[in-house]
């Protein structure tokens, strides 16, 4: 298969099908090298055509709380303000810089999510 930049949905589908066929190929084989190149052109196409928006800060916090089974009280301890948790989760109060830092460091929430306007 000749690998080219993917420009259409049909080319994308064809590339995905071929990638599935050779996915488990060993790295330094002909098919392994083809799989590596296909992965790159597929990723390039998907990055341009299937954009996933970064969640707003509140949604990112709620998602991480759910993942980590955190209570509001535990989130308050992380934020440094237990009395502010409900206001933040209900979008009545904005995050402070200190809260953003704590959420990023302790819950590993990406800064890009935390600093967005909401």
PDB file of N, CA and C in Angstrom:
ATOM      1  N   UNK A   1       0.838  -1.185   0.000  1.00  0.00           N
ATOM      2  CA  UNK A   1       0.000   0.000   0.000  1.00  0.00           C
ATOM      3  C   UNK A   1       0.878   1.242   0.000  1.00  0.00           C
ATOM      4  N   UNK A   2       0.577   2.160  -0.880  1.00  0.00           N
ATOM      5  CA  UNK A   2       1.263   3.446  -0.913  1.00  0.00           C
ATOM      6  C   UNK A   2       0.578   4.357   0.088  1.00  0.00           C
ATOM      7  N   UNK A   3       1.365   4.947   0.957  1.00  0.00           N
ATOM      8  CA  UNK A   3       0.794   5.795   1.998  1.00  0.00           C
ATOM      9  C   UNK A   3       0.890   7.252   1.587  1.00  0.00           C
ATOM     10  N   UNK A   4      -0.249   7.926   1.626  1.00  0.00           N
ATOM     11  CA  UNK A   4      -0.333   9.344   1.280  1.00  0.00           C
ATOM     12  C   UNK A   4      -1.105  10.069   2.369  1.00  0.00           C
ATOM     13  N   UNK A   5      -1.049  11.376   2.338  1.00  0.00           N
ATOM     14  CA  UNK A   5      -1.831  12.182   3.262  1.00  0.00           C
ATOM     15  C   UNK A   5      -3.312  11.896   3.011  1.00  0.00           C
ATOM     16  N   UNK A   6      -4.065  11.687   4.073  1.00  0.00           N
ATOM     17  CA  UNK A   6      -5.490  11.374   3.955  1.00  0.00           C
ATOM     18  C   UNK A   6      -6.263  12.674   3.789  1.00  0.00           C
ATOM     19  N   UNK A   7      -7.119  12.708   2.753  1.00  0.00           N
ATOM     20  CA  UNK A   7      -7.880  13.918   2.468  1.00  0.00           C
ATOM     21  C   UNK A   7      -9.385  13.706   2.491  1.00  0.00           C
ATOM     22  N   UNK A   8      -9.841  12.459   2.404  1.00  0.00           N
ATOM     23  CA  UNK A   8     -11.279  12.189   2.348  1.00  0.00           C
ATOM     24  C   UNK A   8     -11.671  11.134   3.378  1.00  0.00           C
ATOM     25  N   UNK A   9     -12.979  11.066   3.663  1.00  0.00           N
ATOM     26  CA  UNK A   9     -13.483  10.048   4.581  1.00  0.00           C
ATOM     27  C   UNK A   9     -13.231   8.654   4.035  1.00  0.00           C
ATOM     28  N   UNK A  10     -13.359   8.511   2.729  1.00  0.00           N
ATOM     29  CA  UNK A  10     -13.146   7.209   2.102  1.00  0.00           C
ATOM     30  C   UNK A  10     -11.687   6.758   2.279  1.00  0.00           C
ATOM     31  N   UNK A  11     -10.745   7.665   2.078  1.00  0.00           N
ATOM     32  CA  UNK A  11      -9.328   7.339   2.292  1.00  0.00           C
ATOM     33  C   UNK A  11      -9.079   6.997   3.763  1.00  0.00           C
ATOM     34  N   UNK A  12      -9.748   7.726   4.649  1.00  0.00           N
ATOM     35  CA  UNK A  12      -9.613   7.484   6.080  1.00  0.00           C
ATOM     36  C   UNK A  12     -10.086   6.076   6.428  1.00  0.00           C
ATOM     37  N   UNK A  13     -11.244   5.692   5.917  1.00  0.00           N
ATOM     38  CA  UNK A  13     -11.792   4.350   6.164  1.00  0.00           C
ATOM     39  C   UNK A  13     -10.852   3.271   5.646  1.00  0.00           C
ATOM     40  N   UNK A  14     -10.334   3.480   4.458  1.00  0.00           N
ATOM     41  CA  UNK A  14      -9.424   2.512   3.853  1.00  0.00           C
ATOM     42  C   UNK A  14      -8.151   2.377   4.697  1.00  0.00           C
ATOM     43  N   UNK A  15      -7.628   3.497   5.158  1.00  0.00           N
ATOM     44  CA  UNK A  15      -6.421   3.489   5.989  1.00  0.00           C
ATOM     45  C   UNK A  15      -6.683   2.777   7.312  1.00  0.00           C
ATOM     46  N   UNK A  16      -7.852   3.017   7.915  1.00  0.00           N
ATOM     47  CA  UNK A  16      -8.197   2.348   9.168  1.00  0.00           C
ATOM     48  C   UNK A  16      -8.296   0.839   8.982  1.00  0.00           C
ATOM     49  N   UNK A  17      -8.914   0.421   7.878  1.00  0.00           N
ATOM     50  CA  UNK A  17      -9.036  -1.009   7.603  1.00  0.00           C
ATOM     51  C   UNK A  17      -7.668  -1.656   7.455  1.00  0.00           C
ATOM     52  N   UNK A  18      -6.799  -1.009   6.710  1.00  0.00           N
ATOM     53  CA  UNK A  18      -5.452  -1.557   6.525  1.00  0.00           C
ATOM     54  C   UNK A  18      -4.695  -1.568   7.848  1.00  0.00           C
ATOM     55  N   UNK A  19      -4.853  -0.520   8.629  1.00  0.00           N
ATOM     56  CA  UNK A  19      -4.171  -0.447   9.923  1.00  0.00           C
ATOM     57  C   UNK A  19      -4.615  -1.590  10.831  1.00  0.00           C
ATOM     58  N   UNK A  20      -5.900  -1.901  10.828  1.00  0.00           N
ATOM     59  CA  UNK A  20      -6.394  -3.020  11.626  1.00  0.00           C
ATOM     60  C   UNK A  20      -5.761  -4.340  11.192  1.00  0.00           C
ATOM     61  N   UNK A  21      -5.541  -4.502   9.906  1.00  0.00           N
ATOM     62  CA  UNK A  21      -4.941  -5.735   9.386  1.00  0.00           C
ATOM     63  C   UNK A  21      -3.507  -5.923   9.853  1.00  0.00           C
ATOM     64  N   UNK A  22      -2.756  -4.838   9.947  1.00  0.00           N
ATOM     65  CA  UNK A  22      -1.320  -4.940  10.249  1.00  0.00           C
ATOM     66  C   UNK A  22      -0.946  -4.402  11.627  1.00  0.00           C
ATOM     67  N   UNK A  23      -1.932  -4.147  12.452  1.00  0.00           N
ATOM     68  CA  UNK A  23      -1.714  -3.517  13.758  1.00  0.00           C
ATOM     69  C   UNK A  23      -0.673  -4.245  14.606  1.00  0.00           C
ATOM     70  N   UNK A  24      -0.678  -5.558  14.598  1.00  0.00           N
ATOM     71  CA  UNK A  24       0.215  -6.329  15.465  1.00  0.00           C
ATOM     72  C   UNK A  24       1.540  -6.698  14.809  1.00  0.00           C
ATOM     73  N   UNK A  25       1.850  -6.101  13.686  1.00  0.00           N
ATOM     74  CA  UNK A  25       3.108  -6.397  12.991  1.00  0.00           C
ATOM     75  C   UNK A  25       4.300  -5.964  13.844  1.00  0.00           C
ATOM     76  N   UNK A  26       5.383  -6.702  13.729  1.00  0.00           N
ATOM     77  CA  UNK A  26       6.605  -6.362  14.477  1.00  0.00           C
ATOM     78  C   UNK A  26       7.203  -5.065  13.933  1.00  0.00           C
ATOM     79  N   UNK A  27       7.823  -4.302  14.813  1.00  0.00           N
ATOM     80  CA  UNK A  27       8.270  -2.936  14.520  1.00  0.00           C
ATOM     81  C   UNK A  27       9.184  -2.795  13.306  1.00  0.00           C
ATOM     82  N   UNK A  28      10.169  -3.618  13.153  1.00  0.00           N
ATOM     83  CA  UNK A  28      11.149  -3.413  12.075  1.00  0.00           C
ATOM     84  C   UNK A  28      10.864  -4.215  10.818  1.00  0.00           C
ATOM     85  N   UNK A  29       9.636  -4.661  10.667  1.00  0.00           N
ATOM     86  CA  UNK A  29       9.251  -5.366   9.450  1.00  0.00           C
ATOM     87  C   UNK A  29       8.620  -4.374   8.482  1.00  0.00           C
ATOM     88  N   UNK A  30       8.413  -4.832   7.250  1.00  0.00           N
ATOM     89  CA  UNK A  30       7.775  -3.979   6.243  1.00  0.00           C
ATOM     90  C   UNK A  30       6.390  -3.540   6.726  1.00  0.00           C
ATOM     91  N   UNK A  31       5.607  -4.491   7.246  1.00  0.00           N
ATOM     92  CA  UNK A  31       4.262  -4.154   7.732  1.00  0.00           C
ATOM     93  C   UNK A  31       4.317  -3.309   8.996  1.00  0.00           C
ATOM     94  N   UNK A  32       5.309  -3.521   9.822  1.00  0.00           N
ATOM     95  CA  UNK A  32       5.462  -2.715  11.025  1.00  0.00           C
ATOM     96  C   UNK A  32       5.721  -1.253  10.705  1.00  0.00           C
ATOM     97  N   UNK A  33       6.589  -1.033   9.720  1.00  0.00           N
ATOM     98  CA  UNK A  33       6.879   0.333   9.291  1.00  0.00           C
ATOM     99  C   UNK A  33       5.650   0.970   8.639  1.00  0.00           C
ATOM    100  N   UNK A  34       4.919   0.160   7.865  1.00  0.00           N
ATOM    101  CA  UNK A  34       3.692   0.653   7.244  1.00  0.00           C
ATOM    102  C   UNK A  34       2.679   1.051   8.310  1.00  0.00           C
ATOM    103  N   UNK A  35       2.564   0.253   9.364  1.00  0.00           N
ATOM    104  CA  UNK A  35       1.632   0.557  10.455  1.00  0.00           C
ATOM    105  C   UNK A  35       2.004   1.869  11.138  1.00  0.00           C
ATOM    106  N   UNK A  36       3.294   2.096  11.333  1.00  0.00           N
ATOM    107  CA  UNK A  36       3.735   3.343  11.959  1.00  0.00           C
ATOM    108  C   UNK A  36       3.359   4.549  11.097  1.00  0.00           C
ATOM    109  N   UNK A  37       3.587   4.460   9.817  1.00  0.00           N
ATOM    110  CA  UNK A  37       3.249   5.566   8.920  1.00  0.00           C
ATOM    111  C   UNK A  37       1.739   5.769   8.847  1.00  0.00           C
ATOM    112  N   UNK A  38       0.986   4.671   8.759  1.00  0.00           N
ATOM    113  CA  UNK A  38      -0.470   4.788   8.733  1.00  0.00           C
ATOM    114  C   UNK A  38      -0.990   5.463   9.992  1.00  0.00           C
ATOM    115  N   UNK A  39      -0.423   5.088  11.128  1.00  0.00           N
ATOM    116  CA  UNK A  39      -0.848   5.703  12.391  1.00  0.00           C
ATOM    117  C   UNK A  39      -0.657   7.211  12.346  1.00  0.00           C
ATOM    118  N   UNK A  40       0.441   7.656  11.772  1.00  0.00           N
ATOM    119  CA  UNK A  40       0.715   9.096  11.692  1.00  0.00           C
ATOM    120  C   UNK A  40      -0.271   9.819  10.774  1.00  0.00           C
ATOM    121  N   UNK A  41      -0.540   9.265   9.589  1.00  0.00           N
ATOM    122  CA  UNK A  41      -1.452   9.956   8.677  1.00  0.00           C
ATOM    123  C   UNK A  41      -2.890   9.878   9.170  1.00  0.00           C
ATOM    124  N   UNK A  42      -3.242   8.788   9.838  1.00  0.00           N
ATOM    125  CA  UNK A  42      -4.588   8.673  10.426  1.00  0.00           C
ATOM    126  C   UNK A  42      -4.748   9.711  11.523  1.00  0.00           C
ATOM    127  N   UNK A  43      -3.755   9.821  12.392  1.00  0.00           N
ATOM    128  CA  UNK A  43      -3.816  10.796  13.485  1.00  0.00           C
ATOM    129  C   UNK A  43      -3.914  12.217  12.928  1.00  0.00           C
ATOM    130  N   UNK A  44      -3.132  12.511  11.912  1.00  0.00           N
ATOM    131  CA  UNK A  44      -3.167  13.836  11.296  1.00  0.00           C
ATOM    132  C   UNK A  44      -4.567  14.158  10.777  1.00  0.00           C
ATOM    133  N   UNK A  45      -5.172  13.228  10.065  1.00  0.00           N
ATOM    134  CA  UNK A  45      -6.517  13.429   9.528  1.00  0.00           C
ATOM    135  C   UNK A  45      -7.529  13.619  10.662  1.00  0.00           C
ATOM    136  N   UNK A  46      -7.450  12.774  11.681  1.00  0.00           N
ATOM    137  CA  UNK A  46      -8.421  12.841  12.780  1.00  0.00           C
ATOM    138  C   UNK A  46      -8.247  14.109  13.608  1.00  0.00           C
ATOM    139  N   UNK A  47      -7.019  14.554  13.789  1.00  0.00           N
ATOM    140  CA  UNK A  47      -6.783  15.804  14.522  1.00  0.00           C
ATOM    141  C   UNK A  47      -7.414  17.002  13.807  1.00  0.00           C
ATOM    142  N   UNK A  48      -7.461  16.941  12.486  1.00  0.00           N
ATOM    143  CA  UNK A  48      -8.026  18.042  11.702  1.00  0.00           C
ATOM    144  C   UNK A  48      -9.541  17.952  11.553  1.00  0.00           C
ATOM    145  N   UNK A  49     -10.085  16.744  11.522  1.00  0.00           N
ATOM    146  CA  UNK A  49     -11.495  16.565  11.197  1.00  0.00           C
ATOM    147  C   UNK A  49     -12.380  16.125  12.364  1.00  0.00           C
ATOM    148  N   UNK A  50     -11.797  15.653  13.425  1.00  0.00           N
ATOM    149  CA  UNK A  50     -12.578  15.196  14.584  1.00  0.00           C
ATOM    150  C   UNK A  50     -12.059  15.890  15.834  1.00  0.00           C
ATOM    151  N   UNK A  51     -12.306  17.174  15.895  1.00  0.00           N
ATOM    152  CA  UNK A  51     -11.791  18.000  16.982  1.00  0.00           C
ATOM    153  C   UNK A  51     -12.628  17.769  18.241  1.00  0.00           C
ATOM    154  N   UNK A  52     -11.939  17.483  19.320  1.00  0.00           N
ATOM    155  CA  UNK A  52     -12.604  17.293  20.608  1.00  0.00           C
ATOM    156  C   UNK A  52     -12.296  18.519  21.459  1.00  0.00           C
ATOM    157  N   UNK A  53     -13.335  19.214  21.820  1.00  0.00           N
ATOM    158  CA  UNK A  53     -13.173  20.418  22.627  1.00  0.00           C
ATOM    159  C   UNK A  53     -12.720  20.055  24.049  1.00  0.00           C
ATOM    160  N   UNK A  54     -11.899  20.906  24.614  1.00  0.00           N
ATOM    161  CA  UNK A  54     -11.481  20.737  25.998  1.00  0.00           C
ATOM    162  C   UNK A  54     -12.677  21.053  26.892  1.00  0.00           C
ATOM    163  N   UNK A  55     -12.945  20.200  27.892  1.00  0.00           N
ATOM    164  CA  UNK A  55     -14.094  20.474  28.758  1.00  0.00           C
ATOM    165  C   UNK A  55     -13.871  21.731  29.590  1.00  0.00           C
ATOM    166  N   UNK A  56     -14.969  22.370  29.974  1.00  0.00           N
ATOM    167  CA  UNK A  56     -14.801  23.547  30.826  1.00  0.00           C
ATOM    168  C   UNK A  56     -14.339  23.083  32.206  1.00  0.00           C
ATOM    169  N   UNK A  57     -13.806  23.996  33.020  1.00  0.00           N
ATOM    170  CA  UNK A  57     -13.223  23.624  34.300  1.00  0.00           C
ATOM    171  C   UNK A  57     -14.165  22.832  35.208  1.00  0.00           C
ATOM    172  N   UNK A  58     -15.405  23.239  35.305  1.00  0.00           N
ATOM    173  CA  UNK A  58     -16.342  22.564  36.203  1.00  0.00           C
ATOM    174  C   UNK A  58     -16.583  21.127  35.745  1.00  0.00           C
ATOM    175  N   UNK A  59     -16.772  20.933  34.452  1.00  0.00           N
ATOM    176  CA  UNK A  59     -16.983  19.583  33.932  1.00  0.00           C
ATOM    177  C   UNK A  59     -15.744  18.726  34.137  1.00  0.00           C
ATOM    178  N   UNK A  60     -14.571  19.296  33.969  1.00  0.00           N
ATOM    179  CA  UNK A  60     -13.324  18.561  34.193  1.00  0.00           C
ATOM    180  C   UNK A  60     -13.200  18.137  35.660  1.00  0.00           C
ATOM    181  N   UNK A  61     -13.555  19.028  36.569  1.00  0.00           N
ATOM    182  CA  UNK A  61     -13.506  18.718  38.001  1.00  0.00           C
ATOM    183  C   UNK A  61     -14.500  17.610  38.340  1.00  0.00           C
ATOM    184  N   UNK A  62     -15.728  17.751  37.856  1.00  0.00           N
ATOM    185  CA  UNK A  62     -16.746  16.734  38.138  1.00  0.00           C
ATOM    186  C   UNK A  62     -16.335  15.368  37.592  1.00  0.00           C
ATOM    187  N   UNK A  63     -15.772  15.359  36.402  1.00  0.00           N
ATOM    188  CA  UNK A  63     -15.327  14.110  35.793  1.00  0.00           C
ATOM    189  C   UNK A  63     -14.244  13.451  36.641  1.00  0.00           C
ATOM    190  N   UNK A  64     -13.258  14.256  37.089  1.00  0.00           N
ATOM    191  CA  UNK A  64     -12.170  13.697  37.895  1.00  0.00           C
ATOM    192  C   UNK A  64     -12.680  13.241  39.261  1.00  0.00           C
ATOM    193  N   UNK A  65     -13.644  13.978  39.828  1.00  0.00           N
ATOM    194  CA  UNK A  65     -14.234  13.558  41.101  1.00  0.00           C
ATOM    195  C   UNK A  65     -14.890  12.189  40.943  1.00  0.00           C
ATOM    196  N   UNK A  66     -15.595  12.018  39.839  1.00  0.00           N
ATOM    197  CA  UNK A  66     -16.268  10.742  39.575  1.00  0.00           C
ATOM    198  C   UNK A  66     -15.241   9.629  39.389  1.00  0.00           C
ATOM    199  N   UNK A  67     -14.195   9.893  38.646  1.00  0.00           N
ATOM    200  CA  UNK A  67     -13.156   8.892  38.402  1.00  0.00           C
ATOM    201  C   UNK A  67     -12.483   8.452  39.696  1.00  0.00           C
ATOM    202  N   UNK A  68     -12.229   9.423  40.568  1.00  0.00           N
ATOM    203  CA  UNK A  68     -11.478   9.147  41.793  1.00  0.00           C
ATOM    204  C   UNK A  68     -12.380   8.895  43.000  1.00  0.00           C
ATOM    205  N   UNK A  69     -13.690   8.896  42.775  1.00  0.00           N
ATOM    206  CA  UNK A  69     -14.671   8.689  43.845  1.00  0.00           C
ATOM    207  C   UNK A  69     -14.453   9.675  44.990  1.00  0.00           C
ATOM    208  N   UNK A  70     -14.274  10.948  44.628  1.00  0.00           N
ATOM    209  CA  UNK A  70     -14.053  12.000  45.628  1.00  0.00           C
ATOM    210  C   UNK A  70     -15.376  12.601  46.077  1.00  0.00           C
ATOM    211  N   UNK A  71     -15.459  12.882  47.353  1.00  0.00           N
ATOM    212  CA  UNK A  71     -16.632  13.572  47.882  1.00  0.00           C
ATOM    213  C   UNK A  71     -16.397  15.080  47.760  1.00  0.00           C
ATOM    214  N   UNK A  72     -17.453  15.846  47.981  1.00  0.00           N
ATOM    215  CA  UNK A  72     -17.312  17.308  47.958  1.00  0.00           C
ATOM    216  C   UNK A  72     -16.383  17.763  49.072  1.00  0.00           C
ATOM    217  N   UNK A  73     -16.438  17.079  50.187  1.00  0.00           N
ATOM    218  CA  UNK A  73     -15.566  17.421  51.315  1.00  0.00           C
ATOM    219  C   UNK A  73     -14.099  17.214  50.935  1.00  0.00           C
ATOM    220  N   UNK A  74     -13.807  16.089  50.272  1.00  0.00           N
ATOM    221  CA  UNK A  74     -12.433  15.819  49.851  1.00  0.00           C
ATOM    222  C   UNK A  74     -11.975  16.838  48.799  1.00  0.00           C
ATOM    223  N   UNK A  75     -12.863  17.210  47.900  1.00  0.00           N
ATOM    224  CA  UNK A  75     -12.528  18.230  46.918  1.00  0.00           C
ATOM    225  C   UNK A  75     -12.239  19.552  47.618  1.00  0.00           C
ATOM    226  N   UNK A  76     -13.030  19.881  48.629  1.00  0.00           N
ATOM    227  CA  UNK A  76     -12.811  21.109  49.389  1.00  0.00           C
ATOM    228  C   UNK A  76     -11.446  21.144  50.040  1.00  0.00           C
ATOM    229  N   UNK A  77     -10.992  19.996  50.529  1.00  0.00           N
ATOM    230  CA  UNK A  77      -9.661  19.928  51.142  1.00  0.00           C
ATOM    231  C   UNK A  77      -8.579  20.170  50.094  1.00  0.00           C
ATOM    232  N   UNK A  78      -8.799  19.663  48.893  1.00  0.00           N
ATOM    233  CA  UNK A  78      -7.840  19.872  47.809  1.00  0.00           C
ATOM    234  C   UNK A  78      -7.829  21.335  47.386  1.00  0.00           C
ATOM    235  N   UNK A  79      -9.019  21.912  47.258  1.00  0.00           N
ATOM    236  CA  UNK A  79      -9.122  23.316  46.854  1.00  0.00           C
ATOM    237  C   UNK A  79      -8.587  24.260  47.920  1.00  0.00           C
ATOM    238  N   UNK A  80      -8.688  23.843  49.174  1.00  0.00           N
ATOM    239  CA  UNK A  80      -8.297  24.713  50.274  1.00  0.00           C
ATOM    240  C   UNK A  80      -9.457  25.526  50.807  1.00  0.00           C
ATOM    241  N   UNK A  81     -10.660  25.300  50.260  1.00  0.00           N
ATOM    242  CA  UNK A  81     -11.860  26.031  50.663  1.00  0.00           C
ATOM    243  C   UNK A  81     -13.050  25.082  50.657  1.00  0.00           C
ATOM    244  N   UNK A  82     -13.299  24.407  51.765  1.00  0.00           N
ATOM    245  CA  UNK A  82     -14.418  23.470  51.795  1.00  0.00           C
ATOM    246  C   UNK A  82     -15.758  24.178  51.657  1.00  0.00           C
ATOM    247  N   UNK A  83     -15.833  25.422  52.086  1.00  0.00           N
ATOM    248  CA  UNK A  83     -17.093  26.160  52.016  1.00  0.00           C
ATOM    249  C   UNK A  83     -17.422  26.636  50.596  1.00  0.00           C
ATOM    250  N   UNK A  84     -16.493  26.572  49.694  1.00  0.00           N
ATOM    251  CA  UNK A  84     -16.682  27.095  48.334  1.00  0.00           C
ATOM    252  C   UNK A  84     -17.019  26.022  47.299  1.00  0.00           C
ATOM    253  N   UNK A  85     -16.938  24.758  47.653  1.00  0.00           N
ATOM    254  CA  UNK A  85     -17.101  23.676  46.686  1.00  0.00           C
ATOM    255  C   UNK A  85     -18.435  23.754  45.951  1.00  0.00           C
ATOM    256  N   UNK A  86     -19.529  23.865  46.666  1.00  0.00           N
ATOM    257  CA  UNK A  86     -20.841  23.909  46.012  1.00  0.00           C
ATOM    258  C   UNK A  86     -20.969  25.109  45.091  1.00  0.00           C
ATOM    259  N   UNK A  87     -20.450  26.252  45.525  1.00  0.00           N
ATOM    260  CA  UNK A  87     -20.516  27.447  44.685  1.00  0.00           C
ATOM    261  C   UNK A  87     -19.727  27.251  43.387  1.00  0.00           C
ATOM    262  N   UNK A  88     -18.582  26.608  43.475  1.00  0.00           N
ATOM    263  CA  UNK A  88     -17.757  26.363  42.289  1.00  0.00           C
ATOM    264  C   UNK A  88     -18.446  25.361  41.369  1.00  0.00           C
ATOM    265  N   UNK A  89     -18.943  24.263  41.932  1.00  0.00           N
ATOM    266  CA  UNK A  89     -19.587  23.232  41.119  1.00  0.00           C
ATOM    267  C   UNK A  89     -20.903  23.714  40.502  1.00  0.00           C
ATOM    268  N   UNK A  90     -21.517  24.711  41.119  1.00  0.00           N
ATOM    269  CA  UNK A  90     -22.750  25.295  40.574  1.00  0.00           C
ATOM    270  C   UNK A  90     -22.481  26.544  39.737  1.00  0.00           C
ATOM    271  N   UNK A  91     -21.209  26.805  39.483  1.00  0.00           N
ATOM    272  CA  UNK A  91     -20.764  27.911  38.625  1.00  0.00           C
ATOM    273  C   UNK A  91     -21.110  29.298  39.184  1.00  0.00           C
ATOM    274  N   UNK A  92     -21.205  29.387  40.489  1.00  0.00           N
ATOM    275  CA  UNK A  92     -21.505  30.680  41.106  1.00  0.00           C
ATOM    276  C   UNK A  92     -20.237  31.387  41.557  1.00  0.00           C
ATOM    277  N   UNK A  93     -19.141  30.665  41.576  1.00  0.00           N
ATOM    278  CA  UNK A  93     -17.847  31.246  41.966  1.00  0.00           C
ATOM    279  C   UNK A  93     -16.780  30.685  41.034  1.00  0.00           C
ATOM    280  N   UNK A  94     -15.873  31.543  40.638  1.00  0.00           N
ATOM    281  CA  UNK A  94     -14.773  31.150  39.749  1.00  0.00           C
ATOM    282  C   UNK A  94     -13.626  30.552  40.556  1.00  0.00           C
ATOM    283  N   UNK A  95     -12.803  29.782  39.869  1.00  0.00           N
ATOM    284  CA  UNK A  95     -11.613  29.219  40.495  1.00  0.00           C
ATOM    285  C   UNK A  95     -10.556  30.304  40.669  1.00  0.00           C
ATOM    286  N   UNK A  96      -9.848  30.255  41.773  1.00  0.00           N
ATOM    287  CA  UNK A  96      -8.722  31.159  41.977  1.00  0.00           C
ATOM    288  C   UNK A  96      -7.466  30.496  41.405  1.00  0.00           C
ATOM    289  N   UNK A  97      -6.418  31.254  41.267  1.00  0.00           N
ATOM    290  CA  UNK A  97      -5.151  30.712  40.774  1.00  0.00           C
ATOM    291  C   UNK A  97      -4.651  29.589  41.686  1.00  0.00           C
ATOM    292  N   UNK A  98      -4.777  29.778  42.981  1.00  0.00           N
ATOM    293  CA  UNK A  98      -4.347  28.754  43.936  1.00  0.00           C
ATOM    294  C   UNK A  98      -5.162  27.466  43.750  1.00  0.00           C
ATOM    295  N   UNK A  99      -6.467  27.596  43.532  1.00  0.00           N
ATOM    296  CA  UNK A  99      -7.313  26.427  43.306  1.00  0.00           C
ATOM    297  C   UNK A  99      -6.903  25.695  42.033  1.00  0.00           C
ATOM    298  N   UNK A 100      -6.635  26.464  40.977  1.00  0.00           N
ATOM    299  CA  UNK A 100      -6.211  25.874  39.708  1.00  0.00           C
ATOM    300  C   UNK A 100      -4.926  25.080  39.913  1.00  0.00           C
ATOM    301  N   UNK A 101      -3.985  25.665  40.611  1.00  0.00           N
ATOM    302  CA  UNK A 101      -2.716  24.967  40.878  1.00  0.00           C
ATOM    303  C   UNK A 101      -2.949  23.680  41.671  1.00  0.00           C
ATOM    304  N   UNK A 102      -3.782  23.755  42.707  1.00  0.00           N
ATOM    305  CA  UNK A 102      -4.060  22.570  43.521  1.00  0.00           C
ATOM    306  C   UNK A 102      -4.740  21.472  42.708  1.00  0.00           C
ATOM    307  N   UNK A 103      -5.705  21.842  41.901  1.00  0.00           N
ATOM    308  CA  UNK A 103      -6.415  20.859  41.079  1.00  0.00           C
ATOM    309  C   UNK A 103      -5.476  20.206  40.073  1.00  0.00           C
ATOM    310  N   UNK A 104      -4.603  21.000  39.505  1.00  0.00           N
ATOM    311  CA  UNK A 104      -3.652  20.459  38.537  1.00  0.00           C
ATOM    312  C   UNK A 104      -2.651  19.525  39.217  1.00  0.00           C
ATOM    313  N   UNK A 105      -2.098  19.958  40.323  1.00  0.00           N
ATOM    314  CA  UNK A 105      -1.057  19.176  40.998  1.00  0.00           C
ATOM    315  C   UNK A 105      -1.611  17.929  41.687  1.00  0.00           C
ATOM    316  N   UNK A 106      -2.757  18.058  42.339  1.00  0.00           N
ATOM    317  CA  UNK A 106      -3.267  16.947  43.160  1.00  0.00           C
ATOM    318  C   UNK A 106      -4.218  16.017  42.415  1.00  0.00           C
ATOM    319  N   UNK A 107      -4.918  16.540  41.407  1.00  0.00           N
ATOM    320  CA  UNK A 107      -5.857  15.703  40.667  1.00  0.00           C
ATOM    321  C   UNK A 107      -5.412  15.480  39.221  1.00  0.00           C
ATOM    322  N   UNK A 108      -4.302  16.100  38.860  1.00  0.00           N
ATOM    323  CA  UNK A 108      -3.745  15.949  37.516  1.00  0.00           C
ATOM    324  C   UNK A 108      -4.732  16.355  36.417  1.00  0.00           C
ATOM    325  N   UNK A 109      -5.506  17.393  36.672  1.00  0.00           N
ATOM    326  CA  UNK A 109      -6.411  17.947  35.666  1.00  0.00           C
ATOM    327  C   UNK A 109      -5.577  18.878  34.796  1.00  0.00           C
ATOM    328  N   UNK A 110      -5.641  18.739  33.476  1.00  0.00           N
ATOM    329  CA  UNK A 110      -4.826  19.587  32.600  1.00  0.00           C
ATOM    330  C   UNK A 110      -5.112  21.073  32.804  1.00  0.00           C
ATOM    331  N   UNK A 111      -4.057  21.861  32.802  1.00  0.00           N
ATOM    332  CA  UNK A 111      -4.210  23.308  32.960  1.00  0.00           C
ATOM    333  C   UNK A 111      -5.081  23.895  31.865  1.00  0.00           C
ATOM    334  N   UNK A 112      -4.997  23.340  30.647  1.00  0.00           N
ATOM    335  CA  UNK A 112      -5.803  23.851  29.535  1.00  0.00           C
ATOM    336  C   UNK A 112      -7.302  23.798  29.862  1.00  0.00           C
ATOM    337  N   UNK A 113      -7.705  22.797  30.605  1.00  0.00           N
ATOM    338  CA  UNK A 113      -9.121  22.692  31.003  1.00  0.00           C
ATOM    339  C   UNK A 113      -9.446  23.684  32.112  1.00  0.00           C
ATOM    340  N   UNK A 114      -8.539  23.820  33.049  1.00  0.00           N
ATOM    341  CA  UNK A 114      -8.812  24.631  34.236  1.00  0.00           C
ATOM    342  C   UNK A 114      -8.810  26.135  33.980  1.00  0.00           C
ATOM    343  N   UNK A 115      -8.073  26.595  32.981  1.00  0.00           N
ATOM    344  CA  UNK A 115      -7.958  28.050  32.784  1.00  0.00           C
ATOM    345  C   UNK A 115      -8.937  28.601  31.755  1.00  0.00           C
ATOM    346  N   UNK A 116      -9.766  27.749  31.188  1.00  0.00           N
ATOM    347  CA  UNK A 116     -10.751  28.223  30.211  1.00  0.00           C
ATOM    348  C   UNK A 116     -11.800  29.118  30.861  1.00  0.00           C
ATOM    349  N   UNK A 117     -12.332  30.004  30.070  1.00  0.00           N
ATOM    350  CA  UNK A 117     -13.464  30.814  30.527  1.00  0.00           C
ATOM    351  C   UNK A 117     -14.694  29.916  30.592  1.00  0.00           C
ATOM    352  N   UNK A 118     -15.528  30.173  31.575  1.00  0.00           N
ATOM    353  CA  UNK A 118     -16.783  29.405  31.696  1.00  0.00           C
ATOM    354  C   UNK A 118     -17.843  30.244  32.335  1.00  0.00           C
TER     355      UNK A 118
END
